[in-house]
C-alpha cells in the first residue's frame, strides 16, 4: 500500500457502517503525527455526527495521573508505549464515536491489527503546518532535541504504518479543522444528521 488513494477514495472495500455494525466500534479513528489535528478535527467530527469524542492521550494521562512528558521522564518510553497500546485497545473495542489515537499508537502490531477492521483516516500534515499548529517547543518528549529533524525521522518511520492501517488519507495542508472534517466525511462517505 505505498500509493495514496485518489482524493476521497477508500483503500478498503468495507464501509464504515459495516465496521461499526456491532455498536461498540468507533465511527472514525484518526491517526497521524503530532500537529496533524487529530484532537481538533475529532471534536469537530464528533459534534457534526452527534457522537462522543475520545482521545487516547487524555486516557493515558488520566490512567497515569500525570502528563505524558512526565511519564516519559519518570517511567520511560517502553512503559508509555504499553499504556498507549492498552488505551488504544480499550478505546477501539469500546468507543462508538470518534477516536483520536496518539501519534505513536501505530507502532504496536496489536494496535495495527485492531485498526485493520475499523474506518481509519490518516491525517497527513507537512512539517511547516505541524510547526504552526503545535510549535515544536511544546512539551513533546520525542521532539525535545532538534525537533524539526526528529519530526522528519518520526514521519519516515511512521508514515508506512499510518498508510498500512488507513482506510483513507486526508491531506490537512492549508485546511481549517472544519475543511479537514468535511474531507474526512467525504472520504468515508459519512452523512451528518443534518444531511
C-alpha atoms as a PDB file:
ATOM      1  CA  UNK A   1       0.000   0.000   0.000  1.00  0.00           C
ATOM      2  CA  UNK A   2       2.632   2.500  -0.895  1.00  0.00           C
ATOM      3  CA  UNK A   3       0.445   4.525  -3.201  1.00  0.00           C
ATOM      4  CA  UNK A   4      -2.006   7.118  -1.977  1.00  0.00           C
ATOM      5  CA  UNK A   5      -5.639   6.636  -2.810  1.00  0.00           C
ATOM      6  CA  UNK A   6      -7.100   9.198  -5.140  1.00  0.00           C
ATOM      7  CA  UNK A   7      -8.702  12.097  -3.282  1.00  0.00           C
ATOM      8  CA  UNK A   8     -11.795  10.880  -1.497  1.00  0.00           C
ATOM      9  CA  UNK A   9     -11.065   7.270  -2.429  1.00  0.00           C
ATOM     10  CA  UNK A  10     -11.057   4.452   0.068  1.00  0.00           C
ATOM     11  CA  UNK A  11      -8.342   1.786   0.319  1.00  0.00           C
ATOM     12  CA  UNK A  12     -10.573  -0.969   1.539  1.00  0.00           C
ATOM     13  CA  UNK A  13     -13.801  -2.440   0.366  1.00  0.00           C
ATOM     14  CA  UNK A  14     -15.512  -2.291   3.761  1.00  0.00           C
ATOM     15  CA  UNK A  15     -17.623   0.709   4.579  1.00  0.00           C
ATOM     16  CA  UNK A  16     -17.596   2.458   7.966  1.00  0.00           C
ATOM     17  CA  UNK A  17     -21.202   1.436   8.563  1.00  0.00           C
ATOM     18  CA  UNK A  18     -20.138  -2.209   8.314  1.00  0.00           C
ATOM     19  CA  UNK A  19     -17.154  -1.709  10.624  1.00  0.00           C
ATOM     20  CA  UNK A  20     -19.297  -0.097  13.277  1.00  0.00           C
ATOM     21  CA  UNK A  21     -22.190  -2.504  12.943  1.00  0.00           C
ATOM     22  CA  UNK A  22     -21.554  -4.018  16.370  1.00  0.00           C
ATOM     23  CA  UNK A  23     -22.357  -0.717  18.057  1.00  0.00           C
ATOM     24  CA  UNK A  24     -19.138  -0.627  20.089  1.00  0.00           C
ATOM     25  CA  UNK A  25     -16.698   0.300  17.338  1.00  0.00           C
ATOM     26  CA  UNK A  26     -15.547   3.805  16.517  1.00  0.00           C
ATOM     27  CA  UNK A  27     -17.295   5.646  13.692  1.00  0.00           C
ATOM     28  CA  UNK A  28     -13.919   7.125  12.683  1.00  0.00           C
ATOM     29  CA  UNK A  29     -10.394   6.564  14.017  1.00  0.00           C
ATOM     30  CA  UNK A  30      -7.929   9.392  13.349  1.00  0.00           C
ATOM     31  CA  UNK A  31      -4.212   8.672  13.119  1.00  0.00           C
ATOM     32  CA  UNK A  32      -1.284  10.898  12.234  1.00  0.00           C
ATOM     33  CA  UNK A  33       1.771  12.679  13.595  1.00  0.00           C
ATOM     34  CA  UNK A  34       1.881  15.435  16.202  1.00  0.00           C
ATOM     35  CA  UNK A  35       0.298  18.570  14.776  1.00  0.00           C
ATOM     36  CA  UNK A  36      -1.929  16.807  12.263  1.00  0.00           C
ATOM     37  CA  UNK A  37      -5.033  17.995  14.104  1.00  0.00           C
ATOM     38  CA  UNK A  38      -6.409  14.664  15.334  1.00  0.00           C
ATOM     39  CA  UNK A  39      -7.945  16.096  18.517  1.00  0.00           C
ATOM     40  CA  UNK A  40      -9.260  19.298  16.968  1.00  0.00           C
ATOM     41  CA  UNK A  41     -10.696  17.611  13.880  1.00  0.00           C
ATOM     42  CA  UNK A  42     -12.011  14.772  16.031  1.00  0.00           C
ATOM     43  CA  UNK A  43     -14.049  17.174  18.147  1.00  0.00           C
ATOM     44  CA  UNK A  44     -15.476  18.829  15.005  1.00  0.00           C
ATOM     45  CA  UNK A  45     -16.425  15.418  13.582  1.00  0.00           C
ATOM     46  CA  UNK A  46     -17.999  14.300  16.860  1.00  0.00           C
ATOM     47  CA  UNK A  47     -20.127  17.438  17.004  1.00  0.00           C
ATOM     48  CA  UNK A  48     -21.231  17.100  13.375  1.00  0.00           C
ATOM     49  CA  UNK A  49     -22.100  13.418  13.702  1.00  0.00           C
ATOM     50  CA  UNK A  50     -23.685  13.735  17.142  1.00  0.00           C
ATOM     51  CA  UNK A  51     -21.361  11.169  18.741  1.00  0.00           C
ATOM     52  CA  UNK A  52     -18.779  11.194  21.526  1.00  0.00           C
ATOM     53  CA  UNK A  53     -15.101  12.052  21.151  1.00  0.00           C
ATOM     54  CA  UNK A  54     -12.245  10.156  22.780  1.00  0.00           C
ATOM     55  CA  UNK A  55      -8.513  10.893  22.732  1.00  0.00           C
ATOM     56  CA  UNK A  56      -6.240   8.087  23.919  1.00  0.00           C
ATOM     57  CA  UNK A  57      -3.555  10.567  25.034  1.00  0.00           C
ATOM     58  CA  UNK A  58      -6.090  12.004  27.507  1.00  0.00           C
ATOM     59  CA  UNK A  59      -6.991   8.445  28.594  1.00  0.00           C
ATOM     60  CA  UNK A  60      -3.308   7.681  29.249  1.00  0.00           C
ATOM     61  CA  UNK A  61      -2.855  10.842  31.303  1.00  0.00           C
ATOM     62  CA  UNK A  62      -5.974  10.031  33.349  1.00  0.00           C
ATOM     63  CA  UNK A  63      -4.781   6.472  33.984  1.00  0.00           C
ATOM     64  CA  UNK A  64      -1.237   7.522  34.892  1.00  0.00           C
ATOM     65  CA  UNK A  65      -2.313  10.594  36.850  1.00  0.00           C
ATOM     66  CA  UNK A  66       0.281  12.743  35.123  1.00  0.00           C
ATOM     67  CA  UNK A  67       1.062  14.371  31.766  1.00  0.00           C
ATOM     68  CA  UNK A  68       2.664  12.273  29.034  1.00  0.00           C
ATOM     69  CA  UNK A  69       6.040  14.104  29.193  1.00  0.00           C
ATOM     70  CA  UNK A  70       6.284  13.148  32.875  1.00  0.00           C
ATOM     71  CA  UNK A  71       5.515   9.509  32.066  1.00  0.00           C
ATOM     72  CA  UNK A  72       8.433   9.517  29.604  1.00  0.00           C
ATOM     73  CA  UNK A  73      10.779  11.054  32.187  1.00  0.00           C
ATOM     74  CA  UNK A  74       9.630   9.017  35.196  1.00  0.00           C
ATOM     75  CA  UNK A  75       8.939   5.588  33.675  1.00  0.00           C
ATOM     76  CA  UNK A  76      10.483   5.723  30.194  1.00  0.00           C
ATOM     77  CA  UNK A  77       9.189   5.244  26.663  1.00  0.00           C
ATOM     78  CA  UNK A  78       8.578   1.446  26.896  1.00  0.00           C
ATOM     79  CA  UNK A  79       6.190   1.994  29.837  1.00  0.00           C
ATOM     80  CA  UNK A  80       4.417   4.765  27.933  1.00  0.00           C
ATOM     81  CA  UNK A  81       4.068   2.551  24.827  1.00  0.00           C
ATOM     82  CA  UNK A  82       2.496  -0.192  26.963  1.00  0.00           C
ATOM     83  CA  UNK A  83      -0.019   2.337  28.348  1.00  0.00           C
ATOM     84  CA  UNK A  84      -0.646   3.608  24.811  1.00  0.00           C
ATOM     85  CA  UNK A  85      -1.325   0.094  23.459  1.00  0.00           C
ATOM     86  CA  UNK A  86      -3.719  -0.656  26.323  1.00  0.00           C
ATOM     87  CA  UNK A  87      -5.550   2.656  25.845  1.00  0.00           C
ATOM     88  CA  UNK A  88      -5.842   2.051  22.100  1.00  0.00           C
ATOM     89  CA  UNK A  89      -7.242  -1.449  22.597  1.00  0.00           C
ATOM     90  CA  UNK A  90      -9.781  -0.315  25.206  1.00  0.00           C
ATOM     91  CA  UNK A  91     -10.970   2.596  23.064  1.00  0.00           C
ATOM     92  CA  UNK A  92     -11.071   0.642  19.777  1.00  0.00           C
ATOM     93  CA  UNK A  93     -13.124  -2.118  21.379  1.00  0.00           C
ATOM     94  CA  UNK A  94     -15.498   0.024  23.411  1.00  0.00           C
ATOM     95  CA  UNK A  95     -15.931   3.524  21.982  1.00  0.00           C
ATOM     96  CA  UNK A  96     -18.639   4.126  19.394  1.00  0.00           C
ATOM     97  CA  UNK A  97     -17.803   7.712  18.477  1.00  0.00           C
ATOM     98  CA  UNK A  98     -14.751   9.494  17.067  1.00  0.00           C
ATOM     99  CA  UNK A  99     -11.392   8.200  18.301  1.00  0.00           C
ATOM    100  CA  UNK A 100      -8.077  10.075  18.096  1.00  0.00           C
ATOM    101  CA  UNK A 101      -5.016   7.893  18.649  1.00  0.00           C
ATOM    102  CA  UNK A 102      -1.662   9.200  19.825  1.00  0.00           C
ATOM    103  CA  UNK A 103       0.931   9.703  17.106  1.00  0.00           C
ATOM    104  CA  UNK A 104       2.918   6.590  18.052  1.00  0.00           C
ATOM    105  CA  UNK A 105      -0.004   4.226  18.624  1.00  0.00           C
ATOM    106  CA  UNK A 106       0.553   2.587  15.224  1.00  0.00           C
ATOM    107  CA  UNK A 107       3.965   1.351  16.369  1.00  0.00           C
ATOM    108  CA  UNK A 108       2.287  -1.574  18.182  1.00  0.00           C
ATOM    109  CA  UNK A 109       1.461  -4.506  15.901  1.00  0.00           C
ATOM    110  CA  UNK A 110      -1.533  -5.398  18.085  1.00  0.00           C
ATOM    111  CA  UNK A 111      -2.938  -1.884  17.596  1.00  0.00           C
ATOM    112  CA  UNK A 112      -2.424  -2.061  13.830  1.00  0.00           C
ATOM    113  CA  UNK A 113      -4.227  -5.418  13.774  1.00  0.00           C
ATOM    114  CA  UNK A 114      -7.219  -3.899  15.610  1.00  0.00           C
ATOM    115  CA  UNK A 115      -7.276  -0.920  13.245  1.00  0.00           C
ATOM    116  CA  UNK A 116      -7.459  -3.070  10.111  1.00  0.00           C
ATOM    117  CA  UNK A 117     -11.153  -3.702  10.785  1.00  0.00           C
ATOM    118  CA  UNK A 118     -12.037  -0.062  11.514  1.00  0.00           C
ATOM    119  CA  UNK A 119     -12.598   3.096   9.432  1.00  0.00           C
ATOM    120  CA  UNK A 120      -9.212   4.783   9.899  1.00  0.00           C
ATOM    121  CA  UNK A 121      -8.244   8.155   8.446  1.00  0.00           C
ATOM    122  CA  UNK A 122      -4.595   9.172   8.274  1.00  0.00           C
ATOM    123  CA  UNK A 123      -4.384  12.959   8.649  1.00  0.00           C
ATOM    124  CA  UNK A 124      -1.309  13.842   6.653  1.00  0.00           C
ATOM    125  CA  UNK A 125       0.414  17.111   7.531  1.00  0.00           C
ATOM    126  CA  UNK A 126       3.557  18.800   6.212  1.00  0.00           C
ATOM    127  CA  UNK A 127       6.187  19.848   8.759  1.00  0.00           C
ATOM    128  CA  UNK A 128       5.515  23.575   8.230  1.00  0.00           C
ATOM    129  CA  UNK A 129       1.839  23.166   9.158  1.00  0.00           C
ATOM    130  CA  UNK A 130       2.664  20.940  12.139  1.00  0.00           C
ATOM    131  CA  UNK A 131       5.016  23.641  13.457  1.00  0.00           C
ATOM    132  CA  UNK A 132       2.308  26.294  13.111  1.00  0.00           C
ATOM    133  CA  UNK A 133      -0.264  24.130  14.870  1.00  0.00           C
ATOM    134  CA  UNK A 134       1.689  22.860  17.860  1.00  0.00           C
ATOM    135  CA  UNK A 135       5.005  24.653  17.792  1.00  0.00           C
ATOM    136  CA  UNK A 136       7.964  22.374  18.134  1.00  0.00           C
ATOM    137  CA  UNK A 137       8.854  23.828  21.515  1.00  0.00           C
ATOM    138  CA  UNK A 138       5.729  22.255  23.019  1.00  0.00           C
ATOM    139  CA  UNK A 139       6.342  19.632  25.709  1.00  0.00           C
ATOM    140  CA  UNK A 140       6.567  16.622  23.407  1.00  0.00           C
ATOM    141  CA  UNK A 141       9.173  14.211  24.724  1.00  0.00           C
ATOM    142  CA  UNK A 142      10.213  12.698  21.400  1.00  0.00           C
ATOM    143  CA  UNK A 143      10.698  16.155  19.874  1.00  0.00           C
ATOM    144  CA  UNK A 144      12.763  17.668  22.689  1.00  0.00           C
ATOM    145  CA  UNK A 145      16.128  17.657  20.881  1.00  0.00           C
ATOM    146  CA  UNK A 146      16.368  19.093  17.346  1.00  0.00           C
ATOM    147  CA  UNK A 147      12.589  18.949  16.924  1.00  0.00           C
ATOM    148  CA  UNK A 148      12.398  19.553  13.167  1.00  0.00           C
ATOM    149  CA  UNK A 149      14.876  16.807  12.319  1.00  0.00           C
ATOM    150  CA  UNK A 150      13.318  14.473  14.880  1.00  0.00           C
ATOM    151  CA  UNK A 151       9.798  15.110  13.475  1.00  0.00           C
ATOM    152  CA  UNK A 152      11.050  14.181   9.997  1.00  0.00           C
ATOM    153  CA  UNK A 153      12.655  10.994  11.372  1.00  0.00           C
ATOM    154  CA  UNK A 154       9.445  10.038  13.165  1.00  0.00           C
ATOM    155  CA  UNK A 155       7.437  10.576   9.991  1.00  0.00           C
ATOM    156  CA  UNK A 156       9.834   8.491   7.894  1.00  0.00           C
ATOM    157  CA  UNK A 157       9.410   5.627  10.354  1.00  0.00           C
ATOM    158  CA  UNK A 158       5.686   6.010  10.998  1.00  0.00           C
ATOM    159  CA  UNK A 159       4.237   7.057   7.628  1.00  0.00           C
ATOM    160  CA  UNK A 160       4.279   3.492   6.228  1.00  0.00           C
ATOM    161  CA  UNK A 161       2.437   2.344   9.376  1.00  0.00           C
ATOM    162  CA  UNK A 162      -0.167   5.102   9.069  1.00  0.00           C
ATOM    163  CA  UNK A 163      -0.686   4.074   5.450  1.00  0.00           C
ATOM    164  CA  UNK A 164      -0.896   0.394   6.414  1.00  0.00           C
ATOM    165  CA  UNK A 165      -3.917   0.989   8.666  1.00  0.00           C
ATOM    166  CA  UNK A 166      -5.556   3.790   6.673  1.00  0.00           C
ATOM    167  CA  UNK A 167      -8.926   3.353   5.048  1.00  0.00           C
ATOM    168  CA  UNK A 168      -8.440   6.875   3.642  1.00  0.00           C
ATOM    169  CA  UNK A 169      -5.780   9.590   3.644  1.00  0.00           C
ATOM    170  CA  UNK A 170      -6.746  13.241   4.107  1.00  0.00           C
ATOM    171  CA  UNK A 171      -4.185  15.951   3.396  1.00  0.00           C
ATOM    172  CA  UNK A 172      -4.542  18.712   6.003  1.00  0.00           C
ATOM    173  CA  UNK A 173      -2.161  21.181   4.326  1.00  0.00           C
ATOM    174  CA  UNK A 174      -3.607  24.688   4.406  1.00  0.00           C
ATOM    175  CA  UNK A 175      -7.038  23.473   5.537  1.00  0.00           C
ATOM    176  CA  UNK A 176      -9.034  24.558   8.571  1.00  0.00           C
ATOM    177  CA  UNK A 177     -10.247  21.868  11.017  1.00  0.00           C
ATOM    178  CA  UNK A 178     -13.735  22.272   9.532  1.00  0.00           C
ATOM    179  CA  UNK A 179     -12.416  21.703   5.994  1.00  0.00           C
ATOM    180  CA  UNK A 180     -10.464  18.652   7.133  1.00  0.00           C
ATOM    181  CA  UNK A 181     -13.601  17.308   8.838  1.00  0.00           C
ATOM    182  CA  UNK A 182     -15.511  17.821   5.555  1.00  0.00           C
ATOM    183  CA  UNK A 183     -12.820  15.853   3.711  1.00  0.00           C
ATOM    184  CA  UNK A 184     -12.970  13.015   6.271  1.00  0.00           C
ATOM    185  CA  UNK A 185     -16.766  12.783   5.972  1.00  0.00           C
ATOM    186  CA  UNK A 186     -16.495  12.735   2.179  1.00  0.00           C
ATOM    187  CA  UNK A 187     -13.674  10.166   2.126  1.00  0.00           C
ATOM    188  CA  UNK A 188     -15.632   7.772   4.351  1.00  0.00           C
ATOM    189  CA  UNK A 189     -18.985   8.627   2.774  1.00  0.00           C
ATOM    190  CA  UNK A 190     -20.462   9.525   6.162  1.00  0.00           C
ATOM    191  CA  UNK A 191     -23.625  11.603   6.499  1.00  0.00           C
ATOM    192  CA  UNK A 192     -24.305  14.024   9.325  1.00  0.00           C
ATOM    193  CA  UNK A 193     -27.752  14.112  10.992  1.00  0.00           C
ATOM    194  CA  UNK A 194     -28.429  17.340   9.064  1.00  0.00           C
ATOM    195  CA  UNK A 195     -27.744  15.841   5.617  1.00  0.00           C
END
